[in-house]
Amino acid sequence: MPPRLDDYDGASSHAFGNIYILPPSGMHYNTVIFLHGRGSTGREFCEDLSQGVMSNLRTLQNALRCRGFRLVFPTARLVFSRGLTEWTSAWLEEFFYDLDQLDVDQHDMVTQNIVDGTEFLHNLIVEETNRLRGNARKLFIVGYSDGGSIGLWTLLTLPPAVQALGGFIGINTTLPFGPSIKRHMRGEVGLPRPNDPYEEQRCRQDEFVTDKLTMILRPIRRGSPEPPPRVCRTPILMMHGVNNKTVDINLADESLITLGTMGFATQWFTYTGEEEDAHWITEPEGFDDIFRFIVGSYH
C-alpha cells in the first residue's frame, strides 16, 4: 500500500514526513518514539498498533497514555524501491540481507540513509528530551523492521548530551553493518583476507563504522578496563518471530550478541504461531512484553 500523501504535506522525496502524536491522557511523564517499517508512515503505524490488544484487552497506546506517556510517530522520507519499482516510505533504501555484497552505489545509498535518518531522529530525541526537562532516561524508542534498524544506529550514535535512553525495543529487525562492528571489536579491521570476493565491500563498511562509531567501540576494541560508554546503559529488548520470512531470526540473534558484547544489557524474546510470515507483533504476548519492558524500565 503506498503511503498517504497527506503524511507528507506535498513535500519532496528528500524531506521526512509528518510526525503523528498521541498526547498522554493526563500529565506528561515519559515519551515513546515509534519507528514504522518499510512502506508505512507514522500515522499508519499508530493505526496498525491500535488493531492489537494485550492480554487485558487494552491497546498498547491507551495503556501507555494512561500512565503519562506521550507517543510520537515520525514518518520516513519517500525512496524509490528498485524491487517494487515504485516510491515508498522507508528509513533505508536497501534492507540488510547480503550487506557484504552491496556494490558501491548501494553502499553509498545505505550509509547516506543512516546519516540522514540518525540526524533527523537525533533532533527529534533532543526536542522530546527537552519536553522531559532534559531527562532522556524517560524516553524510549520502539522500532519495527527497518525502523528498528535505523533506531539501533540512532542509539549507537546518540549525541553526547543525551548519553542514554530509558530503553530500546527492536521488533523483527537487525543491526546494519553488525559484522563490521564485530570485526572492530575483535581487532580484525585491516587484516588481509586472501581470496575474499567481498573484500572491497567489507573495507567500505569498516571505514564507515570506524568513522561513525569510533568513540563507542574504542574501549572495547583496545581491551580497556574502563566501563562501557554511557549509551550502553540503555536496556535493549529484541523481539522476533521464529518463522519470520522477511528478516531471518539468525540475523536478529547475531545482532543481539553483538549489542551484548558492546556492553548493552539485552533481552531476547521469540514468538511462534504467528500469522502470515511472522513479521508482525504476536498478539497478545508481544504487546504485553512491550508494555512490561517500557513500564518496568522507566525512571
C-alpha atoms as a PDB file:
ATOM      1  CA  MET A   1       0.000   0.000   0.000  1.00  0.00           C
ATOM      2  CA  PRO A   2       1.509   3.393  -0.951  1.00  0.00           C
ATOM      3  CA  PRO A   3       1.877   5.916   1.878  1.00  0.00           C
ATOM      4  CA  ARG A   4      -0.758   8.585   2.361  1.00  0.00           C
ATOM      5  CA  LEU A   5       0.008  11.792   0.547  1.00  0.00           C
ATOM      6  CA  ASP A   6      -1.267  13.851   3.480  1.00  0.00           C
ATOM      7  CA  ASP A   7       1.534  12.384   5.600  1.00  0.00           C
ATOM      8  CA  TYR A   8       3.973  14.441   3.507  1.00  0.00           C
ATOM      9  CA  ASP A   9       2.183  17.776   3.032  1.00  0.00           C
ATOM     10  CA  GLY A  10       3.290  17.781  -0.586  1.00  0.00           C
ATOM     11  CA  ALA A  11       6.970  17.791   0.426  1.00  0.00           C
ATOM     12  CA  SER A  12       9.687  16.475  -1.881  1.00  0.00           C
ATOM     13  CA  SER A  13      11.017  12.955  -1.605  1.00  0.00           C
ATOM     14  CA  HIS A  14      14.089  14.359   0.163  1.00  0.00           C
ATOM     15  CA  ALA A  15      12.033  15.513   3.163  1.00  0.00           C
ATOM     16  CA  PHE A  16      10.881  13.394   6.076  1.00  0.00           C
ATOM     17  CA  GLY A  17       7.136  13.096   6.527  1.00  0.00           C
ATOM     18  CA  ASN A  18       4.806  14.374   9.210  1.00  0.00           C
ATOM     19  CA  ILE A  19       5.087  13.417  12.866  1.00  0.00           C
ATOM     20  CA  TYR A  20       1.889  11.964  14.306  1.00  0.00           C
ATOM     21  CA  ILE A  21       1.439  12.404  18.069  1.00  0.00           C
ATOM     22  CA  LEU A  22      -0.842  10.907  20.683  1.00  0.00           C
ATOM     23  CA  PRO A  23      -0.676  13.017  23.864  1.00  0.00           C
ATOM     24  CA  PRO A  24      -0.839  11.482  27.337  1.00  0.00           C
ATOM     25  CA  SER A  25      -4.240  11.234  28.995  1.00  0.00           C
ATOM     26  CA  GLY A  26      -3.072  13.448  31.853  1.00  0.00           C
ATOM     27  CA  MET A  27       0.312  14.784  32.974  1.00  0.00           C
ATOM     28  CA  HIS A  28       3.292  14.097  30.704  1.00  0.00           C
ATOM     29  CA  TYR A  29       5.919  11.937  32.421  1.00  0.00           C
ATOM     30  CA  ASN A  30       7.550   9.832  29.663  1.00  0.00           C
ATOM     31  CA  THR A  31       7.767   9.570  25.873  1.00  0.00           C
ATOM     32  CA  VAL A  32       7.951   6.716  23.371  1.00  0.00           C
ATOM     33  CA  ILE A  33       9.121   7.256  19.791  1.00  0.00           C
ATOM     34  CA  PHE A  34       7.698   4.586  17.476  1.00  0.00           C
ATOM     35  CA  LEU A  35       9.529   3.961  14.179  1.00  0.00           C
ATOM     36  CA  HIS A  36       7.447   2.341  11.446  1.00  0.00           C
ATOM     37  CA  GLY A  37       8.551  -0.251   8.916  1.00  0.00           C
ATOM     38  CA  ARG A  38       9.064  -0.026   5.180  1.00  0.00           C
ATOM     39  CA  GLY A  39       6.055   1.164   3.172  1.00  0.00           C
ATOM     40  CA  SER A  40       4.226   2.635   6.149  1.00  0.00           C
ATOM     41  CA  THR A  41       4.017   6.047   7.847  1.00  0.00           C
ATOM     42  CA  GLY A  42       3.855   7.254  11.423  1.00  0.00           C
ATOM     43  CA  ARG A  43       0.080   7.589  11.270  1.00  0.00           C
ATOM     44  CA  GLU A  44      -0.374   4.156   9.688  1.00  0.00           C
ATOM     45  CA  PHE A  45       1.935   2.514  12.219  1.00  0.00           C
ATOM     46  CA  CYS A  46      -0.138   4.037  15.012  1.00  0.00           C
ATOM     47  CA  GLU A  47      -3.320   2.703  13.417  1.00  0.00           C
ATOM     48  CA  ASP A  48      -1.799  -0.752  12.938  1.00  0.00           C
ATOM     49  CA  LEU A  49      -0.745  -0.909  16.592  1.00  0.00           C
ATOM     50  CA  SER A  50      -4.260   0.042  17.678  1.00  0.00           C
ATOM     51  CA  GLN A  51      -5.604  -3.099  15.993  1.00  0.00           C
ATOM     52  CA  GLY A  52      -3.843  -5.362  18.509  1.00  0.00           C
ATOM     53  CA  VAL A  53      -4.578  -5.766  22.195  1.00  0.00           C
ATOM     54  CA  MET A  54      -2.789  -7.000  25.275  1.00  0.00           C
ATOM     55  CA  SER A  55      -3.976  -9.858  27.470  1.00  0.00           C
ATOM     56  CA  ASN A  56      -6.202  -7.460  29.394  1.00  0.00           C
ATOM     57  CA  LEU A  57      -7.870  -6.420  26.092  1.00  0.00           C
ATOM     58  CA  ARG A  58      -6.447  -2.901  26.281  1.00  0.00           C
ATOM     59  CA  THR A  59      -4.475  -1.407  23.414  1.00  0.00           C
ATOM     60  CA  LEU A  60      -0.821  -0.610  23.978  1.00  0.00           C
ATOM     61  CA  GLN A  61      -1.382   3.069  23.182  1.00  0.00           C
ATOM     62  CA  ASN A  62      -4.182   3.545  25.689  1.00  0.00           C
ATOM     63  CA  ALA A  63      -2.321   1.697  28.428  1.00  0.00           C
ATOM     64  CA  LEU A  64       0.772   3.874  27.958  1.00  0.00           C
ATOM     65  CA  ARG A  65      -1.134   7.145  27.633  1.00  0.00           C
ATOM     66  CA  CYS A  66      -2.954   6.454  30.903  1.00  0.00           C
ATOM     67  CA  ARG A  67       0.472   6.256  32.573  1.00  0.00           C
ATOM     68  CA  GLY A  68       1.549   9.659  31.296  1.00  0.00           C
ATOM     69  CA  PHE A  69       3.297   8.642  28.087  1.00  0.00           C
ATOM     70  CA  ARG A  70       3.428  10.890  25.041  1.00  0.00           C
ATOM     71  CA  LEU A  71       3.528   8.720  21.894  1.00  0.00           C
ATOM     72  CA  VAL A  72       5.449  10.078  18.904  1.00  0.00           C
ATOM     73  CA  PHE A  73       5.234   8.538  15.414  1.00  0.00           C
ATOM     74  CA  PRO A  74       7.647  10.122  12.891  1.00  0.00           C
ATOM     75  CA  THR A  75       7.488   9.307   9.179  1.00  0.00           C
ATOM     76  CA  ALA A  76      10.438   8.332   6.995  1.00  0.00           C
ATOM     77  CA  ARG A  77      11.139  10.010   3.671  1.00  0.00           C
ATOM     78  CA  LEU A  78       9.998   8.664   0.323  1.00  0.00           C
ATOM     79  CA  VAL A  79      12.537   6.494  -1.507  1.00  0.00           C
ATOM     80  CA  PHE A  80      12.397   4.657  -4.806  1.00  0.00           C
ATOM     81  CA  SER A  81      12.278   0.905  -4.291  1.00  0.00           C
ATOM     82  CA  ARG A  82      14.067  -0.924  -7.079  1.00  0.00           C
ATOM     83  CA  GLY A  83      12.412  -4.166  -6.025  1.00  0.00           C
ATOM     84  CA  LEU A  84       8.878  -2.757  -6.035  1.00  0.00           C
ATOM     85  CA  THR A  85       9.645  -0.227  -8.817  1.00  0.00           C
ATOM     86  CA  GLU A  86       7.696   2.466  -7.003  1.00  0.00           C
ATOM     87  CA  TRP A  87       8.137   5.261  -4.493  1.00  0.00           C
ATOM     88  CA  THR A  88       7.576   4.172  -0.912  1.00  0.00           C
ATOM     89  CA  SER A  89       8.382   5.450   2.578  1.00  0.00           C
ATOM     90  CA  ALA A  90      11.404   3.796   4.150  1.00  0.00           C
ATOM     91  CA  TRP A  91      14.213   4.634   6.549  1.00  0.00           C
ATOM     92  CA  LEU A  92      16.662   2.595   4.455  1.00  0.00           C
ATOM     93  CA  GLU A  93      16.536   2.152   0.689  1.00  0.00           C
ATOM     94  CA  GLU A  94      18.163  -1.287   0.872  1.00  0.00           C
ATOM     95  CA  PHE A  95      17.393  -3.828   3.547  1.00  0.00           C
ATOM     96  CA  PHE A  96      20.021  -5.994   5.121  1.00  0.00           C
ATOM     97  CA  TYR A  97      20.113  -9.489   3.704  1.00  0.00           C
ATOM     98  CA  ASP A  98      23.518  -9.586   1.972  1.00  0.00           C
ATOM     99  CA  LEU A  99      25.227  -6.444   3.199  1.00  0.00           C
ATOM    100  CA  ASP A 100      28.674  -7.788   2.393  1.00  0.00           C
ATOM    101  CA  GLN A 101      27.603  -7.892  -1.262  1.00  0.00           C
ATOM    102  CA  LEU A 102      26.494  -4.254  -1.643  1.00  0.00           C
ATOM    103  CA  ASP A 103      28.025  -2.543  -4.647  1.00  0.00           C
ATOM    104  CA  VAL A 104      29.423   0.979  -4.415  1.00  0.00           C
ATOM    105  CA  ASP A 105      26.149   2.726  -5.285  1.00  0.00           C
ATOM    106  CA  GLN A 106      24.139   0.607  -2.854  1.00  0.00           C
ATOM    107  CA  HIS A 107      26.688   1.170  -0.090  1.00  0.00           C
ATOM    108  CA  ASP A 108      26.694   4.929  -0.598  1.00  0.00           C
ATOM    109  CA  MET A 109      22.903   4.940  -0.618  1.00  0.00           C
ATOM    110  CA  VAL A 110      22.559   2.916   2.595  1.00  0.00           C
ATOM    111  CA  THR A 111      25.208   4.851   4.512  1.00  0.00           C
ATOM    112  CA  GLN A 112      23.650   8.175   3.454  1.00  0.00           C
ATOM    113  CA  ASN A 113      20.266   6.864   4.640  1.00  0.00           C
ATOM    114  CA  ILE A 114      21.830   6.085   8.018  1.00  0.00           C
ATOM    115  CA  VAL A 115      23.480   9.508   8.268  1.00  0.00           C
ATOM    116  CA  ASP A 116      20.309  11.385   7.291  1.00  0.00           C
ATOM    117  CA  GLY A 117      17.951   9.230   9.353  1.00  0.00           C
ATOM    118  CA  THR A 118      20.020   9.385  12.530  1.00  0.00           C
ATOM    119  CA  GLU A 119      20.417  13.150  12.230  1.00  0.00           C
ATOM    120  CA  PHE A 120      16.655  13.580  11.864  1.00  0.00           C
ATOM    121  CA  LEU A 121      15.945  11.269  14.814  1.00  0.00           C
ATOM    122  CA  HIS A 122      18.654  12.815  16.987  1.00  0.00           C
ATOM    123  CA  ASN A 123      16.980  16.202  16.562  1.00  0.00           C
ATOM    124  CA  LEU A 124      13.631  14.634  17.450  1.00  0.00           C
ATOM    125  CA  ILE A 125      15.147  12.982  20.535  1.00  0.00           C
ATOM    126  CA  VAL A 126      16.617  16.287  21.702  1.00  0.00           C
ATOM    127  CA  GLU A 127      13.255  18.028  21.230  1.00  0.00           C
ATOM    128  CA  GLU A 128      11.405  15.334  23.153  1.00  0.00           C
ATOM    129  CA  THR A 129      14.072  15.226  25.869  1.00  0.00           C
ATOM    130  CA  ASN A 130      13.640  18.961  26.380  1.00  0.00           C
ATOM    131  CA  ARG A 131       9.931  18.320  26.993  1.00  0.00           C
ATOM    132  CA  LEU A 132      11.052  15.924  29.740  1.00  0.00           C
ATOM    133  CA  ARG A 133      13.216  18.594  31.383  1.00  0.00           C
ATOM    134  CA  GLY A 134      16.372  17.098  29.956  1.00  0.00           C
ATOM    135  CA  ASN A 135      15.875  13.599  31.339  1.00  0.00           C
ATOM    136  CA  ALA A 136      16.497  11.265  28.384  1.00  0.00           C
ATOM    137  CA  ARG A 137      16.066   8.238  30.636  1.00  0.00           C
ATOM    138  CA  LYS A 138      12.325   8.922  30.384  1.00  0.00           C
ATOM    139  CA  LEU A 139      12.410   8.461  26.613  1.00  0.00           C
ATOM    140  CA  PHE A 140      12.080   5.137  24.772  1.00  0.00           C
ATOM    141  CA  ILE A 141      12.408   4.025  21.156  1.00  0.00           C
ATOM    142  CA  VAL A 142      10.352   1.205  19.648  1.00  0.00           C
ATOM    143  CA  GLY A 143      11.477   0.309  16.119  1.00  0.00           C
ATOM    144  CA  TYR A 144       9.783  -2.159  13.789  1.00  0.00           C
ATOM    145  CA  SER A 145      11.580  -3.795  10.828  1.00  0.00           C
ATOM    146  CA  ASP A 146      13.793  -1.196   9.098  1.00  0.00           C
ATOM    147  CA  GLY A 147      12.546   1.304  11.700  1.00  0.00           C
ATOM    148  CA  GLY A 148      14.343  -0.875  14.247  1.00  0.00           C
ATOM    149  CA  SER A 149      17.500  -0.852  12.119  1.00  0.00           C
ATOM    150  CA  ILE A 150      17.664   2.948  11.896  1.00  0.00           C
ATOM    151  CA  GLY A 151      16.664   3.071  15.563  1.00  0.00           C
ATOM    152  CA  LEU A 152      19.659   0.970  16.584  1.00  0.00           C
ATOM    153  CA  TRP A 153      22.042   3.216  14.687  1.00  0.00           C
ATOM    154  CA  THR A 154      20.344   6.245  16.229  1.00  0.00           C
ATOM    155  CA  LEU A 155      21.014   4.734  19.643  1.00  0.00           C
ATOM    156  CA  LEU A 156      24.669   3.911  18.875  1.00  0.00           C
ATOM    157  CA  THR A 157      25.336   7.452  17.651  1.00  0.00           C
ATOM    158  CA  LEU A 158      23.436   9.420  20.309  1.00  0.00           C
ATOM    159  CA  PRO A 159      24.693  12.972  20.878  1.00  0.00           C
ATOM    160  CA  PRO A 160      26.943  13.217  23.971  1.00  0.00           C
ATOM    161  CA  ALA A 161      24.399  15.449  25.707  1.00  0.00           C
ATOM    162  CA  VAL A 162      21.789  12.665  25.630  1.00  0.00           C
ATOM    163  CA  GLN A 163      24.079   9.846  26.863  1.00  0.00           C
ATOM    164  CA  ALA A 164      21.462   7.099  27.400  1.00  0.00           C
ATOM    165  CA  LEU A 165      17.752   6.437  26.932  1.00  0.00           C
ATOM    166  CA  GLY A 166      15.176   4.694  29.086  1.00  0.00           C
ATOM    167  CA  GLY A 167      15.142   1.714  26.736  1.00  0.00           C
ATOM    168  CA  PHE A 168      15.075   0.436  23.170  1.00  0.00           C
ATOM    169  CA  ILE A 169      12.824  -2.226  21.644  1.00  0.00           C
ATOM    170  CA  GLY A 170      13.624  -3.755  18.256  1.00  0.00           C
ATOM    171  CA  ILE A 171      10.804  -5.747  16.640  1.00  0.00           C
ATOM    172  CA  ASN A 172      11.685  -8.160  13.824  1.00  0.00           C
ATOM    173  CA  THR A 173      14.776  -6.192  12.941  1.00  0.00           C
ATOM    174  CA  THR A 174      18.542  -6.409  12.633  1.00  0.00           C
ATOM    175  CA  LEU A 175      21.638  -4.246  13.157  1.00  0.00           C
ATOM    176  CA  PRO A 176      23.047  -2.821   9.905  1.00  0.00           C
ATOM    177  CA  PHE A 177      26.777  -3.467   9.494  1.00  0.00           C
ATOM    178  CA  GLY A 178      26.787  -5.704  12.556  1.00  0.00           C
ATOM    179  CA  PRO A 179      29.556  -7.949  11.109  1.00  0.00           C
ATOM    180  CA  SER A 180      31.773  -4.884  10.677  1.00  0.00           C
ATOM    181  CA  ILE A 181      31.125  -3.860  14.285  1.00  0.00           C
ATOM    182  CA  LYS A 182      32.217  -7.343  15.367  1.00  0.00           C
ATOM    183  CA  ARG A 183      35.392  -7.056  13.271  1.00  0.00           C
ATOM    184  CA  HIS A 184      36.198  -3.806  15.068  1.00  0.00           C
ATOM    185  CA  MET A 185      35.708  -5.354  18.482  1.00  0.00           C
ATOM    186  CA  ARG A 186      37.867  -8.339  17.552  1.00  0.00           C
ATOM    187  CA  GLY A 187      40.646  -6.141  16.177  1.00  0.00           C
ATOM    188  CA  GLU A 188      40.252  -7.671  12.717  1.00  0.00           C
ATOM    189  CA  VAL A 189      39.798  -4.456  10.735  1.00  0.00           C
ATOM    190  CA  GLY A 190      42.587  -4.054   8.187  1.00  0.00           C
ATOM    191  CA  LEU A 191      43.692  -7.677   8.363  1.00  0.00           C
ATOM    192  CA  PRO A 192      44.174  -9.225   4.904  1.00  0.00           C
ATOM    193  CA  ARG A 193      41.603 -11.772   3.757  1.00  0.00           C
ATOM    194  CA  PRO A 194      43.111 -13.557   0.762  1.00  0.00           C
ATOM    195  CA  ASN A 195      40.709 -14.714  -1.953  1.00  0.00           C
ATOM    196  CA  ASP A 196      37.740 -12.959  -0.304  1.00  0.00           C
ATOM    197  CA  PRO A 197      35.398 -11.963  -3.159  1.00  0.00           C
ATOM    198  CA  TYR A 198      33.789  -9.262  -0.979  1.00  0.00           C
ATOM    199  CA  GLU A 199      36.959  -7.701   0.401  1.00  0.00           C
ATOM    200  CA  GLU A 200      36.266  -4.334  -1.227  1.00  0.00           C
ATOM    201  CA  GLN A 201      32.714  -4.158   0.130  1.00  0.00           C
ATOM    202  CA  ARG A 202      33.819  -5.036   3.646  1.00  0.00           C
ATOM    203  CA  CYS A 203      36.552  -2.428   3.584  1.00  0.00           C
ATOM    204  CA  ARG A 204      33.956   0.231   2.705  1.00  0.00           C
ATOM    205  CA  GLN A 205      31.772  -0.898   5.578  1.00  0.00           C
ATOM    206  CA  ASP A 206      34.682  -0.921   8.010  1.00  0.00           C
ATOM    207  CA  GLU A 207      35.596   2.635   7.019  1.00  0.00           C
ATOM    208  CA  PHE A 208      32.038   3.806   7.642  1.00  0.00           C
ATOM    209  CA  VAL A 209      31.811   2.066  11.029  1.00  0.00           C
ATOM    210  CA  THR A 210      35.208   3.437  12.046  1.00  0.00           C
ATOM    211  CA  ASP A 211      34.093   6.947  11.134  1.00  0.00           C
ATOM    212  CA  LYS A 212      30.744   6.804  12.936  1.00  0.00           C
ATOM    213  CA  LEU A 213      31.330   4.524  15.930  1.00  0.00           C
ATOM    214  CA  THR A 214      34.952   5.069  16.929  1.00  0.00           C
ATOM    215  CA  MET A 215      34.084   6.577  20.301  1.00  0.00           C
ATOM    216  CA  ILE A 216      31.773   3.775  21.347  1.00  0.00           C
ATOM    217  CA  LEU A 217      33.949   0.938  20.014  1.00  0.00           C
ATOM    218  CA  ARG A 218      37.370   2.178  21.130  1.00  0.00           C
ATOM    219  CA  PRO A 219      37.269   0.975  24.780  1.00  0.00           C
ATOM    220  CA  ILE A 220      36.107  -2.479  23.669  1.00  0.00           C
ATOM    221  CA  ARG A 221      38.488  -2.747  20.748  1.00  0.00           C
ATOM    222  CA  ARG A 222      41.533  -1.839  22.851  1.00  0.00           C
ATOM    223  CA  GLY A 223      40.617  -4.038  25.753  1.00  0.00           C
ATOM    224  CA  SER A 224      40.427  -1.078  28.110  1.00  0.00           C
ATOM    225  CA  PRO A 225      39.331  -1.779  31.722  1.00  0.00           C
ATOM    226  CA  GLU A 226      37.080   1.272  31.505  1.00  0.00           C
ATOM    227  CA  PRO A 227      33.322   0.640  31.761  1.00  0.00           C
ATOM    228  CA  PRO A 228      31.264   0.632  28.553  1.00  0.00           C
ATOM    229  CA  PRO A 229      30.189   4.026  27.163  1.00  0.00           C
ATOM    230  CA  ARG A 230      27.182   5.586  28.863  1.00  0.00           C
ATOM    231  CA  VAL A 231      24.913   4.857  25.922  1.00  0.00           C
ATOM    232  CA  CYS A 232      25.272   1.172  26.832  1.00  0.00           C
ATOM    233  CA  ARG A 233      23.236   1.890  29.944  1.00  0.00           C
ATOM    234  CA  THR A 234      20.201   1.837  27.669  1.00  0.00           C
ATOM    235  CA  PRO A 235      18.472  -1.557  28.135  1.00  0.00           C
ATOM    236  CA  ILE A 236      17.558  -3.323  24.896  1.00  0.00           C
ATOM    237  CA  LEU A 237      14.760  -5.775  24.125  1.00  0.00           C
ATOM    238  CA  MET A 238      14.814  -7.610  20.802  1.00  0.00           C
ATOM    239  CA  MET A 239      11.619  -9.414  19.728  1.00  0.00           C
ATOM    240  CA  HIS A 240      11.417 -11.773  16.765  1.00  0.00           C
ATOM    241  CA  GLY A 241       9.085 -14.246  15.121  1.00  0.00           C
ATOM    242  CA  VAL A 242      10.652 -17.677  14.849  1.00  0.00           C
ATOM    243  CA  ASN A 243       9.187 -18.214  11.388  1.00  0.00           C
ATOM    244  CA  ASN A 244       9.888 -14.706  10.118  1.00  0.00           C
ATOM    245  CA  LYS A 245      10.401 -14.867   6.353  1.00  0.00           C
ATOM    246  CA  THR A 246      11.260 -11.189   5.924  1.00  0.00           C
ATOM    247  CA  VAL A 247      14.122 -10.843   8.419  1.00  0.00           C
ATOM    248  CA  ASP A 248      15.791 -14.136   9.284  1.00  0.00           C
ATOM    249  CA  ILE A 249      15.851 -14.777  13.025  1.00  0.00           C
ATOM    250  CA  ASN A 250      19.552 -15.668  12.858  1.00  0.00           C
ATOM    251  CA  LEU A 251      20.368 -12.123  11.735  1.00  0.00           C
ATOM    252  CA  ALA A 252      18.495 -10.724  14.725  1.00  0.00           C
ATOM    253  CA  ASP A 253      20.199 -13.186  17.064  1.00  0.00           C
ATOM    254  CA  GLU A 254      23.625 -12.160  15.767  1.00  0.00           C
ATOM    255  CA  SER A 255      22.701  -8.509  16.256  1.00  0.00           C
ATOM    256  CA  LEU A 256      21.687  -9.212  19.841  1.00  0.00           C
ATOM    257  CA  ILE A 257      25.012 -10.930  20.553  1.00  0.00           C
ATOM    258  CA  THR A 258      26.914  -8.002  19.052  1.00  0.00           C
ATOM    259  CA  LEU A 259      24.998  -5.488  21.177  1.00  0.00           C
ATOM    260  CA  GLY A 260      25.630  -7.559  24.290  1.00  0.00           C
ATOM    261  CA  THR A 261      29.343  -7.706  23.521  1.00  0.00           C
ATOM    262  CA  MET A 262      29.370  -3.924  23.233  1.00  0.00           C
ATOM    263  CA  GLY A 263      28.119  -3.713  26.809  1.00  0.00           C
ATOM    264  CA  PHE A 264      24.356  -3.332  26.476  1.00  0.00           C
ATOM    265  CA  ALA A 265      22.015  -5.198  28.810  1.00  0.00           C
ATOM    266  CA  THR A 266      19.855  -7.183  26.395  1.00  0.00           C
ATOM    267  CA  GLN A 267      16.730  -9.318  26.459  1.00  0.00           C
ATOM    268  CA  TRP A 268      15.601 -11.683  23.698  1.00  0.00           C
ATOM    269  CA  PHE A 269      12.004 -12.809  23.201  1.00  0.00           C
ATOM    270  CA  THR A 270      10.899 -15.096  20.372  1.00  0.00           C
ATOM    271  CA  TYR A 271       7.375 -15.962  19.253  1.00  0.00           C
ATOM    272  CA  THR A 272       5.772 -18.915  17.475  1.00  0.00           C
ATOM    273  CA  GLY A 273       2.341 -19.463  15.981  1.00  0.00           C
ATOM    274  CA  GLU A 274       2.255 -16.108  14.218  1.00  0.00           C
ATOM    275  CA  GLU A 275       0.050 -15.417  11.229  1.00  0.00           C
ATOM    276  CA  GLU A 276       1.327 -14.803   7.692  1.00  0.00           C
ATOM    277  CA  ASP A 277       5.136 -14.526   7.580  1.00  0.00           C
ATOM    278  CA  ALA A 278       5.652 -13.868  11.323  1.00  0.00           C
ATOM    279  CA  HIS A 279       6.863 -10.327  10.652  1.00  0.00           C
ATOM    280  CA  TRP A 280       4.290  -8.526  12.830  1.00  0.00           C
ATOM    281  CA  ILE A 281       3.825  -8.372  16.601  1.00  0.00           C
ATOM    282  CA  THR A 282       2.379 -11.535  18.133  1.00  0.00           C
ATOM    283  CA  GLU A 283      -0.920 -10.851  19.887  1.00  0.00           C
ATOM    284  CA  PRO A 284      -1.339 -10.607  22.821  1.00  0.00           C
ATOM    285  CA  GLU A 285       2.087 -11.768  24.063  1.00  0.00           C
ATOM    286  CA  GLY A 286       4.140  -9.315  22.044  1.00  0.00           C
ATOM    287  CA  PHE A 287       2.072  -6.313  23.115  1.00  0.00           C
ATOM    288  CA  ASP A 288       2.276  -7.492  26.733  1.00  0.00           C
ATOM    289  CA  ASP A 289       6.059  -7.724  26.521  1.00  0.00           C
ATOM    290  CA  ILE A 290       6.424  -4.253  25.007  1.00  0.00           C
ATOM    291  CA  PHE A 291       4.285  -2.728  27.753  1.00  0.00           C
ATOM    292  CA  ARG A 292       6.060  -4.580  30.577  1.00  0.00           C
ATOM    293  CA  PHE A 293       9.512  -3.672  29.284  1.00  0.00           C
ATOM    294  CA  ILE A 294       8.690   0.024  29.000  1.00  0.00           C
ATOM    295  CA  VAL A 295       6.822   0.340  32.278  1.00  0.00           C
ATOM    296  CA  GLY A 296       9.408  -1.766  34.085  1.00  0.00           C
ATOM    297  CA  SER A 297      12.333   0.315  32.769  1.00  0.00           C
ATOM    298  CA  TYR A 298      11.299   3.945  33.144  1.00  0.00           C
ATOM    299  CA  HIS A 299      12.795   6.101  35.867  1.00  0.00           C
END
